[in-house]
Amino acid sequence: MMTVHYKCKICGEEHRSPIAFSDKKSFESSTLVGNSFQCPKTGRLESYDKKDMVWREEA
Protein backbone atom coordinates (compact mmCIF):
# COMPACT_ATOMS: atom_id res chain seq x y z
CA MET A 1 0.00 0.00 0.00
CA MET A 2 1.25 3.48 -0.86
CA THR A 3 0.28 6.66 0.96
CA VAL A 4 1.26 10.30 1.19
CA HIS A 5 2.90 11.51 4.39
CA TYR A 6 4.05 14.87 5.67
CA LYS A 7 6.51 15.96 8.35
CA CYS A 8 4.51 17.89 10.92
CA LYS A 9 5.75 21.46 11.40
CA ILE A 10 4.33 21.41 14.94
CA CYS A 11 5.48 18.15 16.55
CA GLY A 12 8.17 17.14 14.03
CA GLU A 13 6.79 13.64 13.47
CA GLU A 14 5.72 12.15 10.15
CA HIS A 15 1.97 11.65 9.72
CA ARG A 16 -0.27 10.29 7.00
CA SER A 17 -1.75 13.07 4.88
CA PRO A 18 -5.51 13.57 5.08
CA ILE A 19 -5.46 14.02 1.29
CA ALA A 20 -5.73 10.68 -0.53
CA PHE A 21 -4.45 9.83 -4.00
CA SER A 22 -5.32 6.79 -6.10
CA ASP A 23 -1.73 6.36 -7.30
CA LYS A 24 1.71 7.97 -7.37
CA LYS A 25 1.10 9.51 -10.80
CA SER A 26 -1.96 11.36 -9.45
CA PHE A 27 0.10 12.67 -6.55
CA GLU A 28 3.00 13.74 -8.76
CA SER A 29 0.74 15.58 -11.23
CA SER A 30 -1.26 17.38 -8.53
CA THR A 31 -0.84 20.99 -7.42
CA LEU A 32 -0.97 21.22 -3.64
CA VAL A 33 -0.59 24.67 -2.07
CA GLY A 34 -1.76 25.96 1.29
CA ASN A 35 -3.46 22.82 2.59
CA SER A 36 -4.25 22.94 6.32
CA PHE A 37 -3.50 19.76 8.24
CA GLN A 38 -4.22 19.23 11.93
CA CYS A 39 -1.43 17.83 14.09
CA PRO A 40 -2.71 14.51 15.51
CA LYS A 41 -0.80 15.15 18.76
CA THR A 42 -1.67 18.79 19.51
CA GLY A 43 -4.73 19.51 17.38
CA ARG A 44 -3.12 22.68 16.02
CA LEU A 45 -3.38 23.53 12.32
CA GLU A 46 -0.48 24.32 10.01
CA SER A 47 -0.25 24.98 6.27
CA TYR A 48 1.44 22.46 3.95
CA ASP A 49 2.41 22.49 0.29
CA LYS A 50 3.35 19.60 -1.99
CA LYS A 51 7.05 20.14 -1.17
CA ASP A 52 6.19 19.16 2.44
CA MET A 53 4.74 15.80 1.37
CA VAL A 54 6.27 12.50 0.31
CA TRP A 55 4.89 9.32 -1.27
CA ARG A 56 5.70 6.33 1.03
CA GLU A 57 5.24 2.60 0.91
CA GLU A 58 3.66 1.14 4.05
CA ALA A 59 4.31 -2.34 5.34
C-alpha atoms as a PDB file:
ATOM      1  CA  MET A   1       0.000   0.000   0.000  1.00  0.00           C
ATOM      2  CA  MET A   2       1.251   3.480  -0.857  1.00  0.00           C
ATOM      3  CA  THR A   3       0.275   6.660   0.958  1.00  0.00           C
ATOM      4  CA  VAL A   4       1.259  10.303   1.187  1.00  0.00           C
ATOM      5  CA  HIS A   5       2.901  11.506   4.395  1.00  0.00           C
ATOM      6  CA  TYR A   6       4.050  14.872   5.670  1.00  0.00           C
ATOM      7  CA  LYS A   7       6.510  15.960   8.346  1.00  0.00           C
ATOM      8  CA  CYS A   8       4.510  17.891  10.918  1.00  0.00           C
ATOM      9  CA  LYS A   9       5.747  21.465  11.399  1.00  0.00           C
ATOM     10  CA  ILE A  10       4.333  21.412  14.937  1.00  0.00           C
ATOM     11  CA  CYS A  11       5.478  18.151  16.552  1.00  0.00           C
ATOM     12  CA  GLY A  12       8.168  17.144  14.031  1.00  0.00           C
ATOM     13  CA  GLU A  13       6.789  13.638  13.466  1.00  0.00           C
ATOM     14  CA  GLU A  14       5.721  12.151  10.154  1.00  0.00           C
ATOM     15  CA  HIS A  15       1.967  11.649   9.721  1.00  0.00           C
ATOM     16  CA  ARG A  16      -0.273  10.289   7.002  1.00  0.00           C
ATOM     17  CA  SER A  17      -1.749  13.066   4.877  1.00  0.00           C
ATOM     18  CA  PRO A  18      -5.514  13.568   5.085  1.00  0.00           C
ATOM     19  CA  ILE A  19      -5.457  14.017   1.292  1.00  0.00           C
ATOM     20  CA  ALA A  20      -5.734  10.683  -0.526  1.00  0.00           C
ATOM     21  CA  PHE A  21      -4.453   9.830  -3.998  1.00  0.00           C
ATOM     22  CA  SER A  22      -5.322   6.793  -6.101  1.00  0.00           C
ATOM     23  CA  ASP A  23      -1.734   6.360  -7.296  1.00  0.00           C
ATOM     24  CA  LYS A  24       1.707   7.971  -7.366  1.00  0.00           C
ATOM     25  CA  LYS A  25       1.102   9.509 -10.796  1.00  0.00           C
ATOM     26  CA  SER A  26      -1.959  11.357  -9.450  1.00  0.00           C
ATOM     27  CA  PHE A  27       0.101  12.674  -6.550  1.00  0.00           C
ATOM     28  CA  GLU A  28       3.004  13.739  -8.758  1.00  0.00           C
ATOM     29  CA  SER A  29       0.738  15.581 -11.229  1.00  0.00           C
ATOM     30  CA  SER A  30      -1.264  17.384  -8.535  1.00  0.00           C
ATOM     31  CA  THR A  31      -0.845  20.990  -7.419  1.00  0.00           C
ATOM     32  CA  LEU A  32      -0.965  21.221  -3.645  1.00  0.00           C
ATOM     33  CA  VAL A  33      -0.588  24.668  -2.071  1.00  0.00           C
ATOM     34  CA  GLY A  34      -1.757  25.961   1.294  1.00  0.00           C
ATOM     35  CA  ASN A  35      -3.456  22.825   2.593  1.00  0.00           C
ATOM     36  CA  SER A  36      -4.247  22.942   6.323  1.00  0.00           C
ATOM     37  CA  PHE A  37      -3.503  19.759   8.245  1.00  0.00           C
ATOM     38  CA  GLN A  38      -4.222  19.226  11.926  1.00  0.00           C
ATOM     39  CA  CYS A  39      -1.435  17.835  14.094  1.00  0.00           C
ATOM     40  CA  PRO A  40      -2.711  14.512  15.510  1.00  0.00           C
ATOM     41  CA  LYS A  41      -0.802  15.154  18.759  1.00  0.00           C
ATOM     42  CA  THR A  42      -1.673  18.789  19.514  1.00  0.00           C
ATOM     43  CA  GLY A  43      -4.735  19.505  17.380  1.00  0.00           C
ATOM     44  CA  ARG A  44      -3.123  22.676  16.025  1.00  0.00           C
ATOM     45  CA  LEU A  45      -3.380  23.534  12.321  1.00  0.00           C
ATOM     46  CA  GLU A  46      -0.483  24.318  10.008  1.00  0.00           C
ATOM     47  CA  SER A  47      -0.250  24.975   6.275  1.00  0.00           C
ATOM     48  CA  TYR A  48       1.444  22.461   3.946  1.00  0.00           C
ATOM     49  CA  ASP A  49       2.411  22.490   0.287  1.00  0.00           C
ATOM     50  CA  LYS A  50       3.347  19.599  -1.990  1.00  0.00           C
ATOM     51  CA  LYS A  51       7.045  20.138  -1.167  1.00  0.00           C
ATOM     52  CA  ASP A  52       6.189  19.158   2.440  1.00  0.00           C
ATOM     53  CA  MET A  53       4.739  15.798   1.371  1.00  0.00           C
ATOM     54  CA  VAL A  54       6.274  12.500   0.310  1.00  0.00           C
ATOM     55  CA  TRP A  55       4.894   9.317  -1.266  1.00  0.00           C
ATOM     56  CA  ARG A  56       5.702   6.334   1.031  1.00  0.00           C
ATOM     57  CA  GLU A  57       5.245   2.598   0.910  1.00  0.00           C
ATOM     58  CA  GLU A  58       3.657   1.139   4.045  1.00  0.00           C
ATOM     59  CA  ALA A  59       4.315  -2.344   5.340  1.00  0.00           C
END
